[in-house]
Protein backbone atom coordinates (compact mmCIF):
# COMPACT_ATOMS: atom_id res chain seq x y z
CA MET A 1 0.00 0.00 0.00
CA LYS A 2 1.44 3.32 -1.08
CA THR A 3 1.07 6.23 1.33
CA GLY A 4 2.64 8.94 -0.80
CA ASN A 5 5.27 9.78 1.80
CA GLY A 6 7.86 7.31 0.56
CA PRO A 7 10.52 7.76 -2.08
CA GLU A 8 9.54 8.47 -5.64
CA GLN A 9 8.92 5.37 -7.73
CA ILE A 10 11.61 4.82 -10.30
CA GLY A 11 10.89 2.55 -13.20
CA PRO A 12 10.79 2.28 -16.97
CA GLY A 13 7.92 4.80 -17.16
CA ARG A 14 10.16 7.55 -15.85
CA LYS A 15 12.45 7.24 -18.89
CA PHE A 16 9.78 6.20 -21.38
CA ARG A 17 7.58 9.30 -21.16
CA PRO A 18 10.25 11.88 -22.16
CA ILE A 19 11.36 9.67 -25.05
CA CYS A 20 7.76 9.38 -26.30
CA GLU A 21 7.24 13.13 -25.98
CA PHE A 22 10.44 13.79 -27.91
CA ALA A 23 9.53 11.25 -30.59
CA ILE A 24 6.13 12.87 -31.14
CA VAL A 25 7.49 16.42 -31.31
CA PHE A 26 10.45 15.41 -33.50
CA SER A 27 8.31 13.45 -35.96
CA LEU A 28 5.80 16.30 -36.28
CA CYS A 29 8.68 18.73 -36.87
CA LEU A 30 10.10 16.49 -39.58
CA ILE A 31 6.70 16.33 -41.26
CA CYS A 32 6.55 20.13 -41.17
CA LEU A 33 10.08 20.48 -42.57
CA THR A 34 9.69 17.95 -45.37
CA ILE A 35 6.02 18.23 -46.39
CA ILE A 36 4.08 21.17 -44.97
CA ILE A 37 6.58 24.04 -45.35
CA PRO A 38 7.67 23.17 -48.91
CA THR A 39 4.03 22.73 -49.95
CA GLY A 40 2.80 25.92 -48.29
CA THR A 41 5.57 28.27 -49.44
CA GLN A 42 7.24 28.99 -52.73
CA GLN A 43 10.96 29.06 -53.30
CA SER A 44 12.20 32.54 -54.19
CA ASP A 45 15.54 34.01 -55.16
CA ASN A 46 14.86 37.45 -53.73
CA PHE A 47 17.34 39.39 -51.64
CA GLY A 48 16.77 39.15 -47.93
CA LEU A 49 14.41 36.76 -46.20
CA SER A 50 12.77 33.99 -48.17
CA PRO A 51 9.19 32.98 -47.36
CA ARG A 52 10.48 29.65 -46.00
CA MET A 53 13.04 31.13 -43.61
CA VAL A 54 10.79 31.94 -40.64
CA PRO A 55 8.89 28.61 -40.59
CA VAL A 56 12.10 26.59 -41.01
CA ALA A 57 13.89 28.58 -38.30
CA THR A 58 10.92 28.12 -35.97
CA ILE A 59 10.86 24.35 -36.53
CA VAL A 60 14.61 24.12 -35.95
CA ILE A 61 14.23 26.04 -32.67
CA ILE A 62 11.40 23.72 -31.60
CA ILE A 63 13.58 20.70 -32.36
CA GLY A 64 16.41 22.26 -30.33
CA PHE A 65 14.14 22.82 -27.33
CA ALA A 66 12.80 19.27 -27.68
CA ILE A 67 16.35 17.91 -27.53
CA ILE A 68 17.14 20.07 -24.50
CA GLY A 69 13.92 18.95 -22.80
CA LEU A 70 14.72 15.30 -23.51
CA LEU A 71 18.20 15.60 -22.05
CA VAL A 72 16.97 17.46 -18.97
CA ASN A 73 14.21 14.90 -18.36
CA LEU A 74 16.51 11.92 -18.84
CA THR A 75 19.33 13.23 -16.66
CA GLY A 76 17.21 15.02 -14.04
CA SER A 77 17.00 13.38 -10.64
CA LYS A 78 13.63 14.69 -9.50
CA GLN A 79 10.30 15.04 -11.22
CA VAL A 80 8.77 18.47 -11.63
CA ALA A 81 5.07 18.73 -10.94
CA ALA A 82 2.91 19.81 -13.84
CA PRO A 83 1.54 23.34 -13.52
CA ALA A 84 -2.05 23.66 -12.42
CA SER A 85 -4.44 24.38 -15.25
CA ASN A 86 -7.69 26.27 -15.27
CA GLY A 87 -9.43 23.66 -17.39
CA LEU A 88 -12.19 25.01 -19.59
CA ALA A 89 -11.86 28.48 -18.09
CA GLY A 90 -8.27 28.62 -19.35
CA VAL A 91 -9.39 27.65 -22.84
CA PHE A 92 -12.07 30.36 -22.72
CA LEU A 93 -9.52 32.96 -21.58
CA LEU A 94 -7.12 31.98 -24.36
CA CYS A 95 -9.88 32.19 -26.99
CA ALA A 96 -10.99 35.57 -25.64
CA ALA A 97 -7.40 36.85 -25.70
CA THR A 98 -7.05 35.70 -29.30
CA LEU A 99 -10.28 37.35 -30.40
CA ILE A 100 -9.46 40.63 -28.63
CA GLY A 101 -5.93 40.56 -30.05
CA ALA A 102 -7.18 39.88 -33.59
CA TRP A 103 -9.69 42.74 -33.29
CA THR A 104 -6.95 45.04 -31.99
CA ILE A 105 -4.69 44.10 -34.92
CA TYR A 106 -7.53 44.87 -37.33
CA GLN A 107 -8.31 48.23 -35.69
CA PHE A 108 -4.86 49.55 -34.75
CA GLY A 109 -2.35 47.61 -36.85
CA LEU A 110 0.16 44.85 -36.27
CA LEU A 111 2.46 46.74 -33.90
CA VAL A 112 -0.11 47.69 -31.28
CA GLY A 113 -2.45 44.74 -31.84
CA GLY A 114 0.31 42.14 -31.82
CA THR A 115 1.68 43.53 -28.58
CA VAL A 116 -1.79 43.45 -27.01
CA LEU A 117 -2.25 39.89 -28.28
CA ILE A 118 1.01 38.74 -26.68
CA PHE A 119 0.14 40.49 -23.40
CA LEU A 120 -3.37 39.02 -23.17
CA THR A 121 -2.21 35.55 -24.18
CA ALA A 122 0.49 35.60 -21.49
CA LEU A 123 -2.11 36.61 -18.90
CA ALA A 124 -4.49 33.91 -20.13
CA VAL A 125 -1.93 31.13 -19.68
CA GLY A 126 -1.18 32.28 -16.14
CA MET A 127 1.91 34.48 -16.32
CA ARG A 128 1.75 36.89 -13.39
CA ASN A 129 5.42 37.84 -12.84
CA ILE A 130 5.57 41.54 -13.74
CA MET A 131 9.25 41.43 -14.76
CA HIS A 132 8.83 38.45 -17.10
CA LEU A 133 5.60 39.85 -18.49
CA SER A 134 7.13 43.25 -19.25
CA LEU A 135 10.24 41.70 -20.82
CA MET A 136 8.14 39.44 -23.03
CA VAL A 137 5.82 42.24 -24.14
CA GLY A 138 8.78 44.54 -24.77
CA ALA A 139 10.55 41.89 -26.84
CA ALA A 140 7.36 41.25 -28.81
CA PHE A 141 7.00 44.99 -29.45
CA LEU A 142 10.60 45.23 -30.71
CA LEU A 143 10.18 42.16 -32.92
CA LEU A 144 6.94 43.49 -34.40
CA TYR A 145 8.57 46.89 -34.92
CA PHE A 146 11.44 45.21 -36.79
CA ILE A 147 8.97 43.24 -38.90
CA GLU A 148 7.12 46.44 -39.89
CA TRP A 149 10.36 48.31 -40.47
CA ALA A 150 11.76 45.55 -42.70
CA GLY A 151 8.52 45.37 -44.66
CA LEU A 152 7.85 41.74 -43.96
């Protein structure tokens, strides 16, 4: 009979779950790199950024974080508890943030609307640390400003 006060159970499930998570993320990324991105974008020889650059860079970053997550989970000695979720209320908040952000983009443009969208989405998923929130919103504003400046 397990009381919950004893040592953490160590078994094959502890190593199997991170490997399965990595396999799923990695296989979906490969599908995106080999099928979805080439089908959805056209190759161009223009100067600057190609239409495929941002999706490919994003997928490569996701693969990199998946590898880091796999290594941390396989070499870590203690399990981290999953964050508490709001259930259906969290889904509603995320949908509301998306709708308000899309409306703001339509009314005020990408720079202001995109920043509002990032801010509301961060609040909807539970970010409450003022420093992290302000850094993320500031970085989003700078990125959106660069995108508008570069004409992307």
